C-alpha atoms as a PDB file:
ATOM      1  CA  MET A   1     -22.898  -6.314   1.003  1.00  0.00           C
ATOM      2  CA  ARG A   2     -21.228  -4.300  -2.272  1.00  0.00           C
ATOM      3  CA  LEU A   3     -17.865  -2.947  -2.292  1.00  0.00           C
ATOM      4  CA  ALA A   4     -19.454   0.335  -2.160  1.00  0.00           C
ATOM      5  CA  ALA A   5     -20.094  -0.356   1.474  1.00  0.00           C
ATOM      6  CA  ILE A   6     -16.248  -1.212   1.796  1.00  0.00           C
ATOM      7  CA  VAL A   7     -14.399   1.151  -0.449  1.00  0.00           C
ATOM      8  CA  LEU A   8     -16.158   4.778   0.502  1.00  0.00           C
ATOM      9  CA  VAL A   9     -15.382   7.885  -0.588  1.00  0.00           C
ATOM     10  CA  ALA A  10     -15.445  10.614   1.725  1.00  0.00           C
ATOM     11  CA  ALA A  11     -14.707  14.698   2.167  1.00  0.00           C
ATOM     12  CA  CYS A  12     -11.777  15.285   4.562  1.00  0.00           C
ATOM     13  CA  GLY A  13      -8.872  17.717   4.725  1.00  0.00           C
ATOM     14  CA  GLY A  14      -5.738  17.794   2.931  1.00  0.00           C
ATOM     15  CA  GLU A  15      -3.311  16.117   4.639  1.00  0.00           C
ATOM     16  CA  THR A  16       0.104  14.414   5.505  1.00  0.00           C
ATOM     17  CA  THR A  17       0.615  10.715   6.576  1.00  0.00           C
ATOM     18  CA  LYS A  18       4.117  10.804   8.762  1.00  0.00           C
ATOM     19  CA  PRO A  19       6.407   7.589   8.395  1.00  0.00           C
ATOM     20  CA  GLY A  20       6.396   5.351  11.441  1.00  0.00           C
ATOM     21  CA  THR A  21       9.698   4.012  13.572  1.00  0.00           C
ATOM     22  CA  LEU A  22      12.009   1.548  12.246  1.00  0.00           C
ATOM     23  CA  ALA A  23      13.962  -1.115  14.101  1.00  0.00           C
ATOM     24  CA  LEU A  24      16.126  -3.787  12.868  1.00  0.00           C
ATOM     25  CA  VAL A  25      15.414  -6.744  14.367  1.00  0.00           C
ATOM     26  CA  ASP A  26      17.632  -9.324  12.650  1.00  0.00           C
ATOM     27  CA  PRO A  27      20.588  -8.324  10.262  1.00  0.00           C
ATOM     28  CA  GLY A  28      20.248 -11.811   8.374  1.00  0.00           C
ATOM     29  CA  THR A  29      23.501 -13.770   7.230  1.00  0.00           C
ATOM     30  CA  GLU A  30      26.964 -12.570   5.243  1.00  0.00           C
ATOM     31  CA  PRO A  31      27.491 -11.216   3.107  1.00  0.00           C
ATOM     32  CA  ARG A  32      25.292  -8.160   4.253  1.00  0.00           C
ATOM     33  CA  VAL A  33      25.485  -4.521   2.421  1.00  0.00           C
ATOM     34  CA  THR A  34      23.564  -1.610   2.985  1.00  0.00           C
ATOM     35  CA  LEU A  35      20.732  -0.871   0.547  1.00  0.00           C
ATOM     36  CA  GLN A  36      19.253   2.548   0.268  1.00  0.00           C
ATOM     37  CA  TYR A  37      16.670   4.009  -2.602  1.00  0.00           C
ATOM     38  CA  ALA A  38      18.253   6.413  -5.056  1.00  0.00           C
ATOM     39  CA  LEU A  39      14.817   7.212  -6.934  1.00  0.00           C
ATOM     40  CA  GLY A  40      15.402   7.711 -10.776  1.00  0.00           C
ATOM     41  CA  ALA A  41      12.942   9.725 -13.093  1.00  0.00           C
ATOM     42  CA  PHE A  42      10.238   7.897 -14.471  1.00  0.00           C
ATOM     43  CA  GLU A  43       6.546   8.285 -15.099  1.00  0.00           C
ATOM     44  CA  ARG A  44       4.393   5.134 -15.434  1.00  0.00           C
ATOM     45  CA  ASP A  45       0.945   3.831 -13.659  1.00  0.00           C
ATOM     46  CA  ILE A  46       0.539   1.645 -10.629  1.00  0.00           C
ATOM     47  CA  ALA A  47      -2.971  -0.340 -10.071  1.00  0.00           C
ATOM     48  CA  PHE A  48      -4.540  -1.710  -7.081  1.00  0.00           C
ATOM     49  CA  VAL A  49      -6.647  -4.752  -8.122  1.00  0.00           C
ATOM     50  CA  SER A  50      -8.673  -6.308  -5.694  1.00  0.00           C
ATOM     51  CA  GLU A  51     -11.049  -8.964  -4.940  1.00  0.00           C
ATOM     52  CA  ILE A  52     -12.988  -9.182  -1.796  1.00  0.00           C
ATOM     53  CA  ASP A  53     -15.391 -12.077  -0.197  1.00  0.00           C
ATOM     54  CA  VAL A  54     -17.684 -11.559   2.502  1.00  0.00           C
ATOM     55  CA  GLU A  55     -18.437 -14.211   4.801  1.00  0.00           C
ATOM     56  CA  SER A  56     -16.463 -16.755   2.263  1.00  0.00           C
ATOM     57  CA  ARG A  57     -18.780 -15.468   0.120  1.00  0.00           C
ATOM     58  CA  LYS A  58     -17.047 -13.946  -3.417  1.00  0.00           C
ATOM     59  CA  ASP A  59     -18.461 -10.536  -3.145  1.00  0.00           C
ATOM     60  CA  THR A  60     -17.267  -7.893  -5.429  1.00  0.00           C
ATOM     61  CA  PHE A  61     -13.959  -6.225  -7.132  1.00  0.00           C
ATOM     62  CA  ALA A  62     -12.461  -2.940  -7.448  1.00  0.00           C
ATOM     63  CA  ASP A  63      -9.788  -1.300  -9.679  1.00  0.00           C
ATOM     64  CA  MET A  64      -7.876   1.893  -8.340  1.00  0.00           C
ATOM     65  CA  ARG A  65      -5.008   3.077 -10.735  1.00  0.00           C
ATOM     66  CA  TYR A  66      -2.614   5.748 -10.120  1.00  0.00           C
ATOM     67  CA  ARG A  67      -0.345   7.886 -12.760  1.00  0.00           C
ATOM     68  CA  LEU A  68       3.065   8.372 -10.765  1.00  0.00           C
ATOM     69  CA  LYS A  69       5.515  10.888 -11.992  1.00  0.00           C
ATOM     70  CA  CYS A  70       8.914  10.769 -10.064  1.00  0.00           C
ATOM     71  CA  GLY A  71      12.163  12.887  -9.884  1.00  0.00           C
ATOM     72  CA  PRO A  72      15.056  12.879  -7.561  1.00  0.00           C
ATOM     73  CA  ASN A  73      13.544  12.894  -4.066  1.00  0.00           C
ATOM     74  CA  SER A  74       9.762  12.692  -4.718  1.00  0.00           C
ATOM     75  CA  CYS A  75       6.671  11.307  -6.720  1.00  0.00           C
ATOM     76  CA  ARG A  76       3.498  12.904  -8.002  1.00  0.00           C
ATOM     77  CA  TYR A  77       0.413  10.810  -8.066  1.00  0.00           C
ATOM     78  CA  GLN A  78      -2.808  11.033  -9.510  1.00  0.00           C
ATOM     79  CA  MET A  79      -5.874   8.520  -9.492  1.00  0.00           C
ATOM     80  CA  VAL A  80      -6.647   7.750 -13.153  1.00  0.00           C
ATOM     81  CA  LYS A  81      -8.892   5.047 -12.553  1.00  0.00           C
ATOM     82  CA  PHE A  82     -11.722   3.748 -10.006  1.00  0.00           C
ATOM     83  CA  GLU A  83     -13.819   1.075 -11.018  1.00  0.00           C
ATOM     84  CA  VAL A  84     -16.127  -1.019  -8.829  1.00  0.00           C
ATOM     85  CA  LEU A  85     -17.900  -4.036 -10.184  1.00  0.00           C
ATOM     86  CA  GLY A  86     -21.389  -3.524 -10.150  1.00  0.00           C
ATOM     87  CA  GLU A  87     -20.967   0.052  -9.930  1.00  0.00           C
ATOM     88  CA  GLY A  88     -18.968   0.935 -13.209  1.00  0.00           C
ATOM     89  CA  SER A  89     -16.300   3.316 -13.192  1.00  0.00           C
ATOM     90  CA  ASN A  90     -18.273   6.646 -13.306  1.00  0.00           C
ATOM     91  CA  PHE A  91     -16.143   8.092 -10.680  1.00  0.00           C
ATOM     92  CA  GLU A  92     -14.663  11.158 -12.323  1.00  0.00           C
ATOM     93  CA  GLY A  93     -14.993  13.680  -9.883  1.00  0.00           C
ATOM     94  CA  VAL A  94     -12.914  10.886  -7.592  1.00  0.00           C
ATOM     95  CA  LYS A  95     -10.412  10.452 -10.181  1.00  0.00           C
ATOM     96  CA  LYS A  96      -9.670  14.538 -10.530  1.00  0.00           C
ATOM     97  CA  ALA A  97      -9.697  15.012  -6.503  1.00  0.00           C
ATOM     98  CA  ILE A  98      -7.083  11.957  -5.858  1.00  0.00           C
ATOM     99  CA  SER A  99      -3.884  13.574  -6.341  1.00  0.00           C
ATOM    100  CA  GLY A 100      -0.468  14.561  -4.218  1.00  0.00           C
ATOM    101  CA  THR A 101       3.154  13.780  -3.451  1.00  0.00           C
ATOM    102  CA  ILE A 102       5.085  11.055  -2.007  1.00  0.00           C
ATOM    103  CA  GLN A 103       8.636  12.312  -0.452  1.00  0.00           C
ATOM    104  CA  VAL A 104      10.590   9.240  -0.919  1.00  0.00           C
ATOM    105  CA  PRO A 105      13.864   9.272   1.124  1.00  0.00           C
ATOM    106  CA  ALA A 106      16.829   7.111   0.864  1.00  0.00           C
ATOM    107  CA  ASN A 107      15.356   4.396   3.639  1.00  0.00           C
ATOM    108  CA  GLY A 108      12.118   4.316   2.010  1.00  0.00           C
ATOM    109  CA  LEU A 109      10.301   6.049   5.175  1.00  0.00           C
ATOM    110  CA  VAL A 110       7.939   8.066   3.391  1.00  0.00           C
ATOM    111  CA  SER A 111       5.883  10.720   3.893  1.00  0.00           C
ATOM    112  CA  ILE A 112       2.569  11.464   1.701  1.00  0.00           C
ATOM    113  CA  THR A 113       0.935  14.712   1.517  1.00  0.00           C
ATOM    114  CA  ALA A 114      -2.365  14.445  -0.547  1.00  0.00           C
ATOM    115  CA  ASP A 115      -3.591  17.941  -2.392  1.00  0.00           C
ATOM    116  CA  GLY A 116      -7.532  17.850  -1.910  1.00  0.00           C
ATOM    117  CA  MET A 117     -10.441  16.866   0.309  1.00  0.00           C
ATOM    118  CA  MET A 118     -11.028  13.683  -1.258  1.00  0.00           C
ATOM    119  CA  LYS A 119     -10.080  10.479   0.406  1.00  0.00           C
ATOM    120  CA  THR A 120     -10.912   6.654  -0.487  1.00  0.00           C
ATOM    121  CA  THR A 121     -11.051   3.435   2.293  1.00  0.00           C
ATOM    122  CA  PRO A 122      -8.834   2.179   2.046  1.00  0.00           C
ATOM    123  CA  SER A 123      -7.095   5.479   1.497  1.00  0.00           C
ATOM    124  CA  THR A 124      -4.406   5.869  -1.174  1.00  0.00           C
ATOM    125  CA  PRO A 125      -1.755   6.400   1.589  1.00  0.00           C
ATOM    126  CA  GLU A 126      -3.003   3.047   2.839  1.00  0.00           C
ATOM    127  CA  LEU A 127      -2.160   1.646  -0.670  1.00  0.00           C
ATOM    128  CA  PHE A 128       0.723   2.920  -1.429  1.00  0.00           C
ATOM    129  CA  LYS A 129       2.510   1.798   2.426  1.00  0.00           C
ATOM    130  CA  SER A 130       1.565  -1.563   1.389  1.00  0.00           C
ATOM    131  CA  VAL A 131       4.145  -1.417  -1.518  1.00  0.00           C
ATOM    132  CA  LEU A 132       6.816   1.110  -0.501  1.00  0.00           C
ATOM    133  CA  ILE A 133       9.197  -0.770   1.544  1.00  0.00           C
ATOM    134  CA  PRO A 134      11.300   0.950   4.180  1.00  0.00           C
ATOM    135  CA  LEU A 135      14.955  -0.069   4.314  1.00  0.00           C
ATOM    136  CA  PRO A 136      17.205  -0.355   7.523  1.00  0.00           C
ATOM    137  CA  GLY A 137      20.186   2.204   7.449  1.00  0.00           C
ATOM    138  CA  ASP A 138      22.469  -0.969   8.447  1.00  0.00           C
ATOM    139  CA  ALA A 139      23.884  -3.253   6.263  1.00  0.00           C
ATOM    140  CA  ILE A 140      21.714  -6.580   5.830  1.00  0.00           C
ATOM    141  CA  GLY A 141      21.588  -9.800   4.316  1.00  0.00           C
ATOM    142  CA  MET A 142      19.023 -12.531   3.505  1.00  0.00           C
ATOM    143  CA  GLY A 143      16.953 -13.529   5.837  1.00  0.00           C
ATOM    144  CA  ALA A 144      17.101  -9.693   7.446  1.00  0.00           C
ATOM    145  CA  ARG A 145      13.987  -8.875   9.433  1.00  0.00           C
ATOM    146  CA  TRP A 146      12.887  -5.249  10.445  1.00  0.00           C
ATOM    147  CA  THR A 147       9.700  -3.459  11.511  1.00  0.00           C
ATOM    148  CA  VAL A 148       7.902  -0.187  11.260  1.00  0.00           C
ATOM    149  CA  THR A 149       5.744   0.990  13.929  1.00  0.00           C
ATOM    150  CA  GLU A 150       3.064   3.301  12.459  1.00  0.00           C
ATOM    151  CA  PRO A 151       2.835   7.122  14.319  1.00  0.00           C
ATOM    152  CA  GLY A 152       0.343   6.547  17.253  1.00  0.00           C
ATOM    153  CA  GLY A 153       1.571   2.535  17.608  1.00  0.00           C
ATOM    154  CA  THR A 154      -2.035   1.514  15.711  1.00  0.00           C
ATOM    155  CA  ALA A 155      -0.125  -1.330  13.329  1.00  0.00           C
ATOM    156  CA  THR A 156       2.935  -2.788  13.313  1.00  0.00           C
ATOM    157  CA  ARG A 157       4.812  -3.565  10.450  1.00  0.00           C
ATOM    158  CA  THR A 158       7.133  -6.168   9.669  1.00  0.00           C
ATOM    159  CA  PHE A 159       9.474  -7.193   6.905  1.00  0.00           C
ATOM    160  CA  ARG A 160      11.961  -9.843   5.647  1.00  0.00           C
ATOM    161  CA  LEU A 161      14.598 -10.044   2.871  1.00  0.00           C
ATOM    162  CA  VAL A 162      14.125 -13.200   0.986  1.00  0.00           C
ATOM    163  CA  LYS A 163      15.783 -12.203  -2.243  1.00  0.00           C
ATOM    164  CA  ASN A 164      18.517  -9.653  -3.633  1.00  0.00           C
ATOM    165  CA  ASP A 165      19.830 -10.075  -7.109  1.00  0.00           C
ATOM    166  CA  GLY A 166      21.486  -7.169  -7.344  1.00  0.00           C
ATOM    167  CA  ALA A 167      18.510  -5.142  -9.165  1.00  0.00           C
ATOM    168  CA  THR A 168      15.416  -6.142  -7.350  1.00  0.00           C
ATOM    169  CA  LEU A 169      14.319  -7.043  -4.039  1.00  0.00           C
ATOM    170  CA  THR A 170      11.852  -9.419  -2.824  1.00  0.00           C
ATOM    171  CA  ILE A 171      10.483  -8.816   0.516  1.00  0.00           C
ATOM    172  CA  GLU A 172       8.046 -10.720   2.613  1.00  0.00           C
ATOM    173  CA  THR A 173       5.572  -8.351   4.560  1.00  0.00           C
ATOM    174  CA  ARG A 174       3.008  -8.406   7.205  1.00  0.00           C
ATOM    175  CA  VAL A 175       0.775  -5.833   8.475  1.00  0.00           C
ATOM    176  CA  GLU A 176      -0.894  -6.391  11.878  1.00  0.00           C
ATOM    177  CA  ALA A 177      -3.035  -4.038  14.104  1.00  0.00           C
ATOM    178  CA  ASN A 178      -2.318  -3.151  17.580  1.00  0.00           C
ATOM    179  CA  ASP A 179      -5.951  -2.191  18.366  1.00  0.00           C
ATOM    180  CA  PRO A 180      -7.955  -5.362  19.393  1.00  0.00           C
ATOM    181  CA  GLN A 181     -10.942  -3.536  17.608  1.00  0.00           C
ATOM    182  CA  MET A 182      -9.655  -3.702  14.617  1.00  0.00           C
ATOM    183  CA  LYS A 183      -8.472  -7.282  14.363  1.00  0.00           C
ATOM    184  CA  PHE A 184      -6.799  -7.364  10.578  1.00  0.00           C
ATOM    185  CA  ALA A 185      -3.630  -8.857   8.722  1.00  0.00           C
ATOM    186  CA  GLN A 186      -2.318  -8.330   5.755  1.00  0.00           C
ATOM    187  CA  ALA A 187       0.570 -10.252   4.365  1.00  0.00           C
ATOM    188  CA  GLY A 188       2.233 -10.944   1.079  1.00  0.00           C
ATOM    189  CA  GLU A 189       5.427 -10.398  -1.189  1.00  0.00           C
ATOM    190  CA  VAL A 190       6.865  -7.398  -2.831  1.00  0.00           C
ATOM    191  CA  ALA A 191       9.416  -6.819  -5.257  1.00  0.00           C
ATOM    192  CA  VAL A 192      11.071  -3.382  -5.413  1.00  0.00           C
ATOM    193  CA  LYS A 193      13.996  -1.801  -7.178  1.00  0.00           C
ATOM    194  CA  LEU A 194      16.596   0.707  -5.895  1.00  0.00           C
ATOM    195  CA  THR A 195      15.395   3.395  -8.281  1.00  0.00           C
ATOM    196  CA  ASP A 196      11.692   2.473  -8.206  1.00  0.00           C
ATOM    197  CA  PRO A 197      10.427   1.874  -4.936  1.00  0.00           C
ATOM    198  CA  PHE A 198       6.982   1.252  -5.592  1.00  0.00           C
ATOM    199  CA  GLY A 199       6.597  -2.682  -5.487  1.00  0.00           C
ATOM    200  CA  THR A 200       4.637  -5.390  -7.353  1.00  0.00           C
ATOM    201  CA  GLY A 201       3.078  -8.712  -6.141  1.00  0.00           C
ATOM    202  CA  THR A 202       0.367  -9.779  -4.264  1.00  0.00           C
ATOM    203  CA  LEU A 203      -0.949  -9.368  -0.684  1.00  0.00           C
ATOM    204  CA  GLU A 204      -3.770 -10.906   1.206  1.00  0.00           C
ATOM    205  CA  LEU A 205      -6.079  -9.050   3.818  1.00  0.00           C
ATOM    206  CA  VAL A 206      -7.961 -10.659   6.588  1.00  0.00           C
ATOM    207  CA  GLN A 207     -10.042  -8.467   8.608  1.00  0.00           C
ATOM    208  CA  THR A 208     -12.751  -8.924  11.236  1.00  0.00           C
ATOM    209  CA  VAL A 209     -15.651  -5.998  11.313  1.00  0.00           C
ATOM    210  CA  PRO A 210     -17.022  -5.519  14.546  1.00  0.00           C
ATOM    211  CA  ALA A 211     -20.554  -5.468  15.166  1.00  0.00           C
ATOM    212  CA  ASP A 212     -22.457  -1.908  14.651  1.00  0.00           C
ATOM    213  CA  PRO A 213     -25.898  -1.708  16.022  1.00  0.00           C
ATOM    214  CA  SER A 214     -26.034   1.792  14.803  1.00  0.00           C
ATOM    215  CA  ILE A 215     -26.718   0.423  11.449  1.00  0.00           C
ATOM    216  CA  LYS A 216     -27.802  -3.194  12.164  1.00  0.00           C
ATOM    217  CA  MET A 217     -24.756  -4.437  10.906  1.00  0.00           C
ATOM    218  CA  ASP A 218     -23.283  -8.042  12.651  1.00  0.00           C
ATOM    219  CA  THR A 219     -19.882  -8.995  13.182  1.00  0.00           C
ATOM    220  CA  HIS A 220     -18.278 -10.193   9.834  1.00  0.00           C
ATOM    221  CA  SER A 221     -15.118 -10.734   8.078  1.00  0.00           C
ATOM    222  CA  PHE A 222     -13.587 -10.373   4.716  1.00  0.00           C
ATOM    223  CA  HIS A 223     -10.931 -11.648   2.776  1.00  0.00           C
ATOM    224  CA  GLN A 224      -9.120  -9.257   0.252  1.00  0.00           C
ATOM    225  CA  ARG A 225      -6.824 -10.675  -2.400  1.00  0.00           C
ATOM    226  CA  MET A 226      -4.949  -7.557  -3.667  1.00  0.00           C
ATOM    227  CA  LYS A 227      -2.635  -7.381  -7.115  1.00  0.00           C
ATOM    228  CA  ILE A 228      -0.204  -4.419  -7.454  1.00  0.00           C
ATOM    229  CA  GLU A 229       0.595  -4.309 -11.029  1.00  0.00           C
ATOM    230  CA  SER A 230       3.056  -1.593 -12.649  1.00  0.00           C
ATOM    231  CA  LEU A 231       2.030  -0.178 -15.924  1.00  0.00           C
ATOM    232  CA  SER A 232       4.465   1.399 -18.372  1.00  0.00           C
ATOM    233  CA  PRO A 233       2.744   4.118 -20.442  1.00  0.00           C
ATOM    234  CA  SER A 234       2.726   1.734 -23.682  1.00  0.00           C
ATOM    235  CA  ARG A 235       0.630  -1.008 -21.525  1.00  0.00           C
ATOM    236  CA  ARG A 236      -1.440   1.339 -20.038  1.00  0.00           C
ATOM    237  CA  ARG A 237      -4.867  -0.603 -19.929  1.00  0.00           C
ATOM    238  CA  ARG A 238      -8.212   1.210 -20.522  1.00  0.00           C
END
C-alpha cells in the first residue's frame, strides 16, 4: 500500500475551516500568567515530513512543505513541495493549487480559508491545526490543561503546558476522534513562540481504518511519525 493510497489529491470547493470551542480544565500551578499571541511579520517555510508504517511494515514517506508570509493578524500560505517516496515530486499542479489564508487571533483559535479547489488528505488545515496551538484566555501556570472540541464534535484536542522560558512555550498535545468509526489518536510535543505560533516538534499518529468491501480492503492500522520543521529563507532545502 503506497502513500498515494493515503495522501490523496481531490477537487473540492474552497472552504473555511472554523475554530473549535476551548475549555480550561486545570489552570496549573502558581505563578500564572495570561498568554496571548502577538503575530510578528515574518516569512519562512514549514515542513511536515512523515514516515508511515502500515500493519507494522515501513511503507512510505512524504514531505509536504509550505511558505508562510505573516503579518499582524494573519498569514498567507503556499505549498512549495509535495514529495512522496516512490512517486517523486512531480506534483507541480498540486503545489500551485494549494494556498490560502490563516487568521490568527490572540488566543490562537485560527480559521483557515483555502483559495482554490484542490486539497490533500490529510488536508492542509489538518496539518496546520496540529501545530497551531490555541491558548486559554485565563492566566495559566505549569501543568495547565485545556481542551478544544472541533466543530460538530468530531474530535477533541487536549493540551498541557510543560515549559515556559519566556520566549518559547512547550506544550504536550493530543487529538482523539469522537467518531467510533475513525479510531485515531495523535500525540506529541510542540514548541511555539508568542510571535510565531507555528510550532515545531514531532507527532505520532495511530489510526485504525475500517474494512471497505467496495474496494476489497480489510481493516488495517497505520502508524505515522510526523516531524515538523521550521526553515528560514537561508535554510530552505531543495
